Every structure is written in structure tokens, then in C-alpha cells.
């Protein structure tokens, strides 16, 4: 009796994600990451050194998460929507929570003394840019019908637009 070997794909795919919910998760992923990126770039070197930059990033993540869940559930709440829709909104917004974890950790380590403020802040920002650039691959994991080349191209364009958003935010609000 011969045993056949199971070959697993390099990218684990979630075929159980409804296309609408996949779109909602991708939106949350991008939105949260862009706002965290703007928060990281917008804090002063003194805030990075003192640890206040970590608080700014975590505050950005938490407030964005709550606002996103509210925005996605208010219509169903007004029309007597079901509890399931709220639960889906909470679940689909979790990429916002994860968007700030690594940048906050980098800023925390920087506040503890290594690396320098400029390097730590730059590294935390780079984490955000890489995360946005990877959005096509994330979507491909949720919806397997996206060609790899297209996924990479969308990620590159998204990263460029994210940089533009950060520049606009910092120019217009600081």
C-alpha cells in the first residue's frame, strides 16, 4: 500500500471568506495601516524617545478600529440588523488592530534606547509601507482568483498612494 504525499501550497488560502467580507477585511487592513503610518511619521523625535509615539500609534489603532466598526454597523443597527452583522464587522476590522502592533513594538524598543530615534521611526514607517505593499498578496490569500502579478502591482500602487496620503496628512494637518 503506497502512501501519497500531500503537497501544500506556499500560500495558505481561505476559500471560506465571502467576497464582500474579504473586501471589508482588505479595506480595514489598508485603512488601519495608512493611518498608523501617518501617526508614526507624524510624531516628533522627542515623542519617539519618550515613548509617547507608542501611545500615539496605539491610540490611532484603537480609535480607528472603533470608528471602522461603527461605520460598518450603523446602517444595520438603524434598520434592526442582526447581531451577526455586528460580529462580522468586529471580525473584519481586526486587521486594523494588527496594523499597529509591529510599529508600536519598534517605537517601544526605540524608546528603551536602541536604535536611535531616527532609525526607529524610519523602521516603524518602513513596516507600514511593506504592509501596504503586501495588500495584494493578502487579498490573494482571501480570494484565490487574483493573479500573483496583479496582486503585486496593486500592492505597489497602494504603497505609492499611501505615501501620498501621509504627505497630504502631514502637510495639511501639522
N, C-alpha and C. Protein backbone atom coordinates (compact mmCIF):
# COMPACT_ATOMS: atom_id res chain seq x y z
N UNK A 1 0.85 -1.16 0.00
CA UNK A 1 0.00 0.00 0.00
C UNK A 1 0.90 1.23 0.00
N UNK A 2 0.77 2.04 -1.01
CA UNK A 2 1.62 3.23 -1.08
C UNK A 2 0.87 4.44 -0.53
N UNK A 3 1.61 5.23 0.13
CA UNK A 3 1.01 6.45 0.68
C UNK A 3 1.33 7.61 -0.26
N UNK A 4 0.31 8.37 -0.57
CA UNK A 4 0.57 9.54 -1.40
C UNK A 4 0.90 10.71 -0.48
N UNK A 5 1.78 11.51 -0.95
CA UNK A 5 2.22 12.66 -0.16
C UNK A 5 1.37 13.88 -0.51
N UNK A 6 0.94 14.59 0.50
CA UNK A 6 0.13 15.78 0.30
C UNK A 6 1.07 16.97 0.10
N UNK A 7 0.88 17.66 -1.02
CA UNK A 7 1.68 18.84 -1.30
C UNK A 7 0.84 20.07 -0.95
N UNK A 8 1.38 20.91 -0.08
CA UNK A 8 0.65 22.10 0.36
C UNK A 8 1.17 23.31 -0.39
N UNK A 9 0.26 24.22 -0.73
CA UNK A 9 0.69 25.44 -1.43
C UNK A 9 1.52 26.33 -0.51
N UNK A 10 2.34 27.18 -1.12
CA UNK A 10 3.18 28.10 -0.35
C UNK A 10 2.35 29.11 0.42
N UNK A 11 1.22 29.51 -0.16
CA UNK A 11 0.35 30.48 0.49
C UNK A 11 -0.92 29.79 0.93
N UNK A 12 -1.20 29.83 2.20
CA UNK A 12 -2.43 29.24 2.71
C UNK A 12 -3.59 30.14 2.29
N UNK A 13 -4.60 29.57 1.69
CA UNK A 13 -5.72 30.36 1.21
C UNK A 13 -6.96 30.07 2.01
N UNK A 14 -7.76 31.10 2.18
CA UNK A 14 -9.02 30.99 2.90
C UNK A 14 -10.16 31.03 1.89
N UNK A 15 -10.59 29.87 1.44
CA UNK A 15 -11.66 29.80 0.46
C UNK A 15 -13.03 30.04 1.10
N UNK A 16 -13.08 30.13 2.41
CA UNK A 16 -14.36 30.28 3.08
C UNK A 16 -14.76 31.75 3.29
N UNK A 17 -13.97 32.70 2.81
CA UNK A 17 -14.26 34.11 3.03
C UNK A 17 -15.12 34.64 1.88
N UNK A 18 -16.30 35.09 2.22
CA UNK A 18 -17.21 35.70 1.26
C UNK A 18 -16.53 36.90 0.61
N UNK A 19 -16.71 37.13 -0.71
CA UNK A 19 -16.03 38.25 -1.37
C UNK A 19 -16.30 39.61 -0.72
N UNK A 20 -17.51 39.85 -0.24
CA UNK A 20 -17.82 41.12 0.41
C UNK A 20 -17.03 41.27 1.70
N UNK A 21 -16.94 40.19 2.46
CA UNK A 21 -16.19 40.23 3.72
C UNK A 21 -14.70 40.32 3.45
N UNK A 22 -14.21 39.69 2.41
CA UNK A 22 -12.79 39.81 2.04
C UNK A 22 -12.49 41.26 1.71
N UNK A 23 -13.38 41.91 0.97
CA UNK A 23 -13.19 43.32 0.64
C UNK A 23 -13.19 44.18 1.90
N UNK A 24 -14.06 43.86 2.83
CA UNK A 24 -14.11 44.60 4.09
C UNK A 24 -12.82 44.44 4.88
N UNK A 25 -12.28 43.23 4.91
CA UNK A 25 -11.02 42.98 5.63
C UNK A 25 -9.85 43.71 4.97
N UNK A 26 -9.82 43.68 3.64
CA UNK A 26 -8.75 44.37 2.91
C UNK A 26 -8.85 45.87 3.16
N UNK A 27 -10.06 46.41 3.15
CA UNK A 27 -10.24 47.85 3.43
C UNK A 27 -9.73 48.20 4.81
N UNK A 28 -10.08 47.39 5.79
CA UNK A 28 -9.62 47.64 7.16
C UNK A 28 -8.10 47.54 7.24
N UNK A 29 -7.52 46.58 6.57
CA UNK A 29 -6.07 46.38 6.56
C UNK A 29 -5.37 47.63 6.02
N UNK A 30 -5.85 48.12 4.87
CA UNK A 30 -5.23 49.29 4.25
C UNK A 30 -5.48 50.54 5.09
N UNK A 31 -6.71 50.76 5.48
CA UNK A 31 -7.08 51.96 6.23
C UNK A 31 -6.29 52.05 7.54
N UNK A 32 -6.27 50.98 8.28
CA UNK A 32 -5.54 50.97 9.55
C UNK A 32 -4.06 51.20 9.35
N UNK A 33 -3.49 50.54 8.36
CA UNK A 33 -2.06 50.66 8.12
C UNK A 33 -1.67 52.06 7.67
N UNK A 34 -2.47 52.67 6.80
CA UNK A 34 -2.15 54.03 6.34
C UNK A 34 -2.23 55.01 7.49
N UNK A 35 -3.24 54.88 8.35
CA UNK A 35 -3.34 55.80 9.50
C UNK A 35 -2.22 55.59 10.51
N UNK A 36 -1.83 54.36 10.71
CA UNK A 36 -0.69 54.09 11.59
C UNK A 36 0.58 54.66 10.98
N UNK A 37 0.76 54.49 9.69
CA UNK A 37 1.93 55.05 9.01
C UNK A 37 1.98 56.56 9.19
N UNK A 38 0.84 57.23 9.01
CA UNK A 38 0.80 58.69 9.21
C UNK A 38 1.11 59.05 10.65
N UNK A 39 0.62 58.27 11.59
CA UNK A 39 0.90 58.54 13.01
C UNK A 39 2.39 58.38 13.30
N UNK A 40 3.00 57.32 12.78
CA UNK A 40 4.42 57.07 13.01
C UNK A 40 5.27 58.21 12.44
N UNK A 41 4.97 58.61 11.22
CA UNK A 41 5.75 59.66 10.58
C UNK A 41 5.49 61.01 11.23
N UNK A 42 4.31 61.20 11.77
CA UNK A 42 3.93 62.50 12.32
C UNK A 42 4.42 62.79 13.73
N UNK A 43 4.91 61.79 14.45
CA UNK A 43 5.38 62.07 15.80
C UNK A 43 6.79 62.65 15.76
N UNK A 44 7.09 63.46 16.73
CA UNK A 44 8.41 64.10 16.81
C UNK A 44 9.45 63.11 17.33
N UNK A 45 10.71 63.38 17.07
CA UNK A 45 11.76 62.53 17.64
C UNK A 45 11.70 62.49 19.18
N UNK A 46 11.28 63.60 19.79
CA UNK A 46 11.15 63.62 21.26
C UNK A 46 10.06 62.65 21.71
N UNK A 47 8.96 62.58 20.95
CA UNK A 47 7.87 61.65 21.28
C UNK A 47 8.32 60.21 21.11
N UNK A 48 9.14 59.96 20.10
CA UNK A 48 9.69 58.61 19.91
C UNK A 48 10.58 58.26 21.10
N UNK A 49 11.44 59.19 21.50
CA UNK A 49 12.38 58.96 22.60
C UNK A 49 11.67 58.74 23.94
N UNK A 50 10.61 59.50 24.18
CA UNK A 50 9.92 59.41 25.47
C UNK A 50 8.93 58.25 25.56
N UNK A 51 8.60 57.65 24.45
CA UNK A 51 7.59 56.60 24.45
C UNK A 51 6.21 57.10 24.10
N UNK A 52 6.03 58.40 23.99
CA UNK A 52 4.73 58.96 23.62
C UNK A 52 4.31 58.53 22.21
N UNK A 53 5.28 58.24 21.34
CA UNK A 53 4.97 57.76 20.00
C UNK A 53 4.22 56.44 20.04
N UNK A 54 4.57 55.58 20.99
CA UNK A 54 3.85 54.30 21.16
C UNK A 54 2.39 54.57 21.50
N UNK A 55 2.15 55.51 22.39
CA UNK A 55 0.79 55.85 22.79
C UNK A 55 0.01 56.42 21.61
N UNK A 56 0.66 57.25 20.80
CA UNK A 56 0.01 57.81 19.61
C UNK A 56 -0.39 56.70 18.65
N UNK A 57 0.50 55.74 18.41
CA UNK A 57 0.19 54.63 17.50
C UNK A 57 -0.94 53.77 18.07
N UNK A 58 -0.87 53.42 19.33
CA UNK A 58 -1.91 52.60 19.93
C UNK A 58 -3.26 53.33 19.97
N UNK A 59 -3.22 54.63 20.25
CA UNK A 59 -4.45 55.43 20.22
C UNK A 59 -5.04 55.51 18.83
N UNK A 60 -4.19 55.62 17.83
CA UNK A 60 -4.64 55.65 16.44
C UNK A 60 -5.31 54.32 16.09
N UNK A 61 -4.69 53.23 16.48
CA UNK A 61 -5.24 51.89 16.19
C UNK A 61 -6.59 51.71 16.86
N UNK A 62 -6.67 52.01 18.13
CA UNK A 62 -7.92 51.78 18.87
C UNK A 62 -9.05 52.67 18.36
N UNK A 63 -8.78 53.95 18.16
CA UNK A 63 -9.84 54.86 17.69
C UNK A 63 -10.26 54.51 16.27
N UNK A 64 -9.33 54.12 15.42
CA UNK A 64 -9.67 53.73 14.05
C UNK A 64 -10.50 52.46 14.05
N UNK A 65 -10.16 51.50 14.89
CA UNK A 65 -10.91 50.25 15.00
C UNK A 65 -12.36 50.52 15.40
N UNK A 66 -12.54 51.30 16.44
CA UNK A 66 -13.90 51.60 16.92
C UNK A 66 -14.68 52.36 15.85
N UNK A 67 -14.06 53.35 15.22
CA UNK A 67 -14.74 54.11 14.17
C UNK A 67 -15.10 53.23 12.99
N UNK A 68 -14.22 52.31 12.62
CA UNK A 68 -14.48 51.42 11.49
C UNK A 68 -15.65 50.49 11.79
N UNK A 69 -15.66 49.91 12.98
CA UNK A 69 -16.77 49.03 13.36
C UNK A 69 -18.08 49.82 13.38
N UNK A 70 -18.05 51.01 13.94
CA UNK A 70 -19.24 51.86 13.96
C UNK A 70 -19.73 52.15 12.54
N UNK A 71 -18.82 52.54 11.67
CA UNK A 71 -19.19 52.89 10.30
C UNK A 71 -19.81 51.71 9.56
N UNK A 72 -19.32 50.52 9.83
CA UNK A 72 -19.83 49.34 9.13
C UNK A 72 -21.08 48.74 9.76
N UNK A 73 -21.46 49.20 10.93
CA UNK A 73 -22.64 48.62 11.57
C UNK A 73 -23.79 49.61 11.74
N UNK A 74 -23.54 50.90 11.61
CA UNK A 74 -24.59 51.88 11.91
C UNK A 74 -25.83 51.67 11.04
N UNK A 75 -25.64 51.38 9.78
CA UNK A 75 -26.79 51.17 8.90
C UNK A 75 -27.63 49.99 9.35
N UNK A 76 -26.99 48.89 9.67
CA UNK A 76 -27.75 47.71 10.10
C UNK A 76 -28.38 47.92 11.47
N UNK A 77 -27.72 48.71 12.32
CA UNK A 77 -28.32 48.99 13.63
C UNK A 77 -29.58 49.84 13.49
N UNK A 78 -29.56 50.80 12.56
CA UNK A 78 -30.72 51.66 12.36
C UNK A 78 -31.90 50.90 11.75
N UNK A 79 -31.60 49.89 10.96
CA UNK A 79 -32.67 49.14 10.30
C UNK A 79 -33.00 47.85 11.02
N UNK A 80 -32.52 47.70 12.25
CA UNK A 80 -32.82 46.50 13.02
C UNK A 80 -32.01 45.30 12.60
N UNK A 81 -30.79 45.53 12.16
CA UNK A 81 -29.93 44.44 11.69
C UNK A 81 -29.64 43.43 12.78
N UNK A 82 -29.15 42.29 12.33
CA UNK A 82 -28.90 41.19 13.25
C UNK A 82 -27.55 41.32 13.96
N UNK A 83 -27.43 40.62 15.05
CA UNK A 83 -26.20 40.56 15.84
C UNK A 83 -25.04 40.02 14.99
N UNK A 84 -25.32 39.15 14.04
CA UNK A 84 -24.29 38.56 13.19
C UNK A 84 -23.55 39.65 12.41
N UNK A 85 -24.26 40.67 11.95
CA UNK A 85 -23.61 41.73 11.19
C UNK A 85 -22.62 42.50 12.05
N UNK A 86 -22.96 42.75 13.30
CA UNK A 86 -22.03 43.41 14.22
C UNK A 86 -20.82 42.52 14.46
N UNK A 87 -21.05 41.25 14.66
CA UNK A 87 -19.96 40.30 14.88
C UNK A 87 -19.04 40.25 13.66
N UNK A 88 -19.61 40.27 12.46
CA UNK A 88 -18.80 40.28 11.24
C UNK A 88 -17.98 41.56 11.13
N UNK A 89 -18.59 42.70 11.47
CA UNK A 89 -17.87 43.97 11.41
C UNK A 89 -16.70 43.98 12.39
N UNK A 90 -16.92 43.44 13.58
CA UNK A 90 -15.85 43.36 14.58
C UNK A 90 -14.73 42.46 14.07
N UNK A 91 -15.08 41.32 13.51
CA UNK A 91 -14.08 40.37 13.00
C UNK A 91 -13.34 40.95 11.78
N UNK A 92 -14.09 41.57 10.88
CA UNK A 92 -13.48 42.08 9.66
C UNK A 92 -12.60 43.30 9.91
N UNK A 93 -12.77 43.96 11.05
CA UNK A 93 -11.95 45.13 11.38
C UNK A 93 -10.66 44.75 12.12
N UNK A 94 -10.46 43.48 12.44
CA UNK A 94 -9.26 43.09 13.19
C UNK A 94 -7.94 43.43 12.48
N UNK A 95 -7.88 43.50 11.14
CA UNK A 95 -6.61 43.94 10.54
C UNK A 95 -6.18 45.33 10.99
N UNK A 96 -7.13 46.16 11.42
CA UNK A 96 -6.77 47.48 11.95
C UNK A 96 -5.97 47.30 13.24
N UNK A 97 -6.41 46.38 14.09
CA UNK A 97 -5.69 46.15 15.34
C UNK A 97 -4.26 45.66 15.09
N UNK A 98 -4.12 44.79 14.11
CA UNK A 98 -2.78 44.25 13.84
C UNK A 98 -1.88 45.27 13.14
N UNK A 99 -2.48 46.30 12.54
CA UNK A 99 -1.68 47.27 11.78
C UNK A 99 -0.69 48.04 12.65
N UNK A 100 -0.98 48.20 13.90
CA UNK A 100 -0.09 48.98 14.76
C UNK A 100 0.82 48.17 15.65
N UNK A 101 0.65 46.85 15.67
CA UNK A 101 1.41 46.03 16.61
C UNK A 101 2.92 46.14 16.40
N UNK A 102 3.40 45.87 15.21
CA UNK A 102 4.84 45.90 14.98
C UNK A 102 5.41 47.32 15.01
N UNK A 103 4.74 48.32 14.40
CA UNK A 103 5.28 49.69 14.54
C UNK A 103 5.34 50.15 16.00
N UNK A 104 4.33 49.80 16.80
CA UNK A 104 4.35 50.18 18.22
C UNK A 104 5.50 49.48 18.94
N UNK A 105 5.72 48.22 18.62
CA UNK A 105 6.83 47.48 19.24
C UNK A 105 8.17 48.11 18.87
N UNK A 106 8.33 48.48 17.59
CA UNK A 106 9.58 49.13 17.16
C UNK A 106 9.78 50.44 17.90
N UNK A 107 8.71 51.23 18.02
CA UNK A 107 8.82 52.50 18.74
C UNK A 107 9.10 52.29 20.23
N UNK A 108 8.52 51.24 20.81
CA UNK A 108 8.78 50.94 22.22
C UNK A 108 10.24 50.57 22.44
N UNK A 109 10.78 49.71 21.59
CA UNK A 109 12.19 49.33 21.71
C UNK A 109 13.09 50.56 21.52
N UNK A 110 12.68 51.42 20.59
CA UNK A 110 13.44 52.66 20.35
C UNK A 110 13.42 53.54 21.59
N UNK A 111 12.26 53.66 22.22
CA UNK A 111 12.15 54.48 23.44
C UNK A 111 13.00 53.90 24.56
N UNK A 112 13.24 52.61 24.54
CA UNK A 112 14.08 51.97 25.55
C UNK A 112 15.57 52.16 25.28
N UNK A 113 15.91 52.76 24.13
CA UNK A 113 17.30 53.11 23.92
C UNK A 113 17.99 52.61 22.68
N UNK A 114 17.39 51.70 21.94
CA UNK A 114 18.03 51.24 20.72
C UNK A 114 17.00 50.86 19.70
N UNK A 115 17.09 51.26 18.48
CA UNK A 115 18.08 52.11 17.85
C UNK A 115 17.82 53.59 18.15
N UNK A 116 18.49 54.47 17.42
CA UNK A 116 18.27 55.90 17.61
C UNK A 116 16.85 56.24 17.19
N UNK A 117 16.38 57.42 17.61
CA UNK A 117 15.01 57.85 17.29
C UNK A 117 14.76 57.86 15.78
N UNK A 118 15.70 58.40 15.03
CA UNK A 118 15.53 58.50 13.57
C UNK A 118 15.45 57.11 12.94
N UNK A 119 16.32 56.20 13.37
CA UNK A 119 16.29 54.85 12.81
C UNK A 119 15.04 54.10 13.24
N UNK A 120 14.67 54.22 14.49
CA UNK A 120 13.47 53.53 14.97
C UNK A 120 12.22 54.01 14.28
N UNK A 121 12.10 55.31 14.14
CA UNK A 121 10.94 55.88 13.47
C UNK A 121 10.92 55.47 11.99
N UNK A 122 12.06 55.48 11.35
CA UNK A 122 12.16 55.06 9.95
C UNK A 122 11.80 53.59 9.78
N UNK A 123 12.27 52.77 10.70
CA UNK A 123 11.96 51.34 10.64
C UNK A 123 10.46 51.10 10.85
N UNK A 124 9.87 51.80 11.81
CA UNK A 124 8.43 51.66 12.06
C UNK A 124 7.63 52.11 10.84
N UNK A 125 8.07 53.15 10.17
CA UNK A 125 7.40 53.61 8.95
C UNK A 125 7.58 52.59 7.82
N UNK A 126 8.77 52.04 7.71
CA UNK A 126 9.03 51.03 6.68
C UNK A 126 8.13 49.81 6.87
N UNK A 127 7.89 49.43 8.11
CA UNK A 127 6.98 48.32 8.40
C UNK A 127 5.60 48.61 7.81
N UNK A 128 5.12 49.83 7.99
CA UNK A 128 3.82 50.21 7.43
C UNK A 128 3.81 50.17 5.92
N UNK A 129 4.86 50.68 5.30
CA UNK A 129 4.92 50.67 3.83
C UNK A 129 4.96 49.25 3.28
N UNK A 130 5.74 48.39 3.90
CA UNK A 130 5.82 46.99 3.46
C UNK A 130 4.46 46.33 3.64
N UNK A 131 3.80 46.64 4.73
CA UNK A 131 2.47 46.07 4.97
C UNK A 131 1.48 46.49 3.88
N UNK A 132 1.48 47.78 3.53
CA UNK A 132 0.58 48.24 2.47
C UNK A 132 0.97 47.60 1.13
N UNK A 133 2.26 47.51 0.86
CA UNK A 133 2.71 46.91 -0.40
C UNK A 133 2.30 45.44 -0.50
N UNK A 134 2.12 44.79 0.63
CA UNK A 134 1.72 43.39 0.64
C UNK A 134 0.23 43.14 0.55
N UNK A 135 -0.56 44.19 0.39
CA UNK A 135 -2.02 44.04 0.42
C UNK A 135 -2.54 43.14 -0.70
N UNK A 136 -1.92 43.19 -1.86
CA UNK A 136 -2.37 42.34 -2.96
C UNK A 136 -2.22 40.86 -2.62
N UNK A 137 -1.12 40.53 -1.98
CA UNK A 137 -0.89 39.14 -1.58
C UNK A 137 -1.87 38.74 -0.49
N UNK A 138 -2.17 39.65 0.42
CA UNK A 138 -3.17 39.36 1.46
C UNK A 138 -4.53 39.09 0.82
N UNK A 139 -4.92 39.92 -0.13
CA UNK A 139 -6.20 39.72 -0.80
C UNK A 139 -6.20 38.40 -1.58
N UNK A 140 -5.08 38.09 -2.18
CA UNK A 140 -4.96 36.83 -2.92
C UNK A 140 -5.18 35.64 -1.99
N UNK A 141 -4.74 35.77 -0.75
CA UNK A 141 -4.96 34.70 0.23
C UNK A 141 -6.44 34.53 0.53
N UNK A 142 -7.17 35.64 0.56
CA UNK A 142 -8.60 35.58 0.86
C UNK A 142 -9.43 35.19 -0.35
N UNK A 143 -9.00 35.60 -1.52
CA UNK A 143 -9.71 35.33 -2.76
C UNK A 143 -8.71 34.79 -3.78
N UNK A 144 -8.64 33.49 -3.95
CA UNK A 144 -7.60 32.83 -4.72
C UNK A 144 -7.61 33.16 -6.21
N UNK A 145 -8.63 33.82 -6.70
CA UNK A 145 -8.71 34.06 -8.14
C UNK A 145 -7.89 35.27 -8.61
N UNK A 146 -7.16 35.91 -7.73
CA UNK A 146 -6.35 37.07 -8.11
C UNK A 146 -4.98 36.59 -8.58
N UNK A 147 -4.60 36.92 -9.83
CA UNK A 147 -3.27 36.52 -10.31
C UNK A 147 -2.16 37.18 -9.49
N UNK A 148 -1.06 36.46 -9.30
CA UNK A 148 0.03 36.95 -8.47
C UNK A 148 0.59 38.27 -8.98
N UNK A 149 0.81 38.40 -10.27
CA UNK A 149 1.34 39.64 -10.84
C UNK A 149 0.45 40.83 -10.54
N UNK A 150 -0.83 40.62 -10.66
CA UNK A 150 -1.79 41.69 -10.36
C UNK A 150 -1.74 42.04 -8.88
N UNK A 151 -1.64 41.03 -8.03
CA UNK A 151 -1.58 41.26 -6.58
C UNK A 151 -0.37 42.12 -6.23
N UNK A 152 0.77 41.84 -6.82
CA UNK A 152 1.99 42.61 -6.55
C UNK A 152 1.84 44.03 -7.08
N UNK A 153 1.29 44.17 -8.30
CA UNK A 153 1.11 45.51 -8.88
C UNK A 153 0.17 46.36 -8.05
N UNK A 154 -0.92 45.78 -7.59
CA UNK A 154 -1.86 46.53 -6.75
C UNK A 154 -1.18 46.96 -5.45
N UNK A 155 -0.37 46.08 -4.88
CA UNK A 155 0.36 46.43 -3.67
C UNK A 155 1.32 47.59 -3.87
N UNK A 156 2.02 47.58 -5.00
CA UNK A 156 2.96 48.67 -5.29
C UNK A 156 2.24 50.00 -5.46
N UNK A 157 1.13 49.99 -6.18
CA UNK A 157 0.34 51.21 -6.35
C UNK A 157 -0.22 51.66 -5.01
N UNK A 158 -0.71 50.72 -4.22
CA UNK A 158 -1.26 51.07 -2.90
C UNK A 158 -0.20 51.71 -2.02
N UNK A 159 1.03 51.21 -2.05
CA UNK A 159 2.11 51.79 -1.24
C UNK A 159 2.42 53.21 -1.71
N UNK A 160 2.42 53.43 -3.00
CA UNK A 160 2.68 54.78 -3.53
C UNK A 160 1.57 55.75 -3.11
N UNK A 161 0.34 55.31 -3.19
CA UNK A 161 -0.78 56.16 -2.79
C UNK A 161 -0.75 56.38 -1.28
N UNK A 162 -0.37 55.37 -0.52
CA UNK A 162 -0.26 55.53 0.94
C UNK A 162 0.76 56.61 1.28
N UNK A 163 1.87 56.64 0.58
CA UNK A 163 2.86 57.69 0.79
C UNK A 163 2.27 59.06 0.50
N UNK A 164 1.50 59.15 -0.57
CA UNK A 164 0.84 60.41 -0.91
C UNK A 164 -0.13 60.83 0.20
N UNK A 165 -0.88 59.90 0.73
CA UNK A 165 -1.81 60.20 1.82
C UNK A 165 -1.06 60.73 3.03
N UNK A 166 0.05 60.11 3.37
CA UNK A 166 0.84 60.55 4.52
C UNK A 166 1.37 61.96 4.29
N UNK A 167 1.88 62.22 3.11
CA UNK A 167 2.38 63.56 2.79
C UNK A 167 1.25 64.58 2.89
N UNK A 168 0.09 64.26 2.33
CA UNK A 168 -1.06 65.18 2.42
C UNK A 168 -1.46 65.43 3.86
N UNK A 169 -1.56 64.35 4.65
CA UNK A 169 -1.96 64.50 6.04
C UNK A 169 -0.99 65.37 6.82
N UNK A 170 0.29 65.10 6.66
CA UNK A 170 1.29 65.87 7.40
C UNK A 170 1.36 67.31 6.91
N UNK A 171 1.21 67.51 5.63
CA UNK A 171 1.26 68.87 5.08
C UNK A 171 0.04 69.69 5.50
N UNK A 172 -1.12 69.08 5.49
CA UNK A 172 -2.35 69.82 5.76
C UNK A 172 -2.72 69.90 7.23
N UNK A 173 -2.20 68.98 8.06
CA UNK A 173 -2.64 68.99 9.47
C UNK A 173 -1.54 69.30 10.47
N UNK A 174 -0.31 69.43 10.04
CA UNK A 174 0.76 69.72 11.00
C UNK A 174 1.40 71.05 10.71
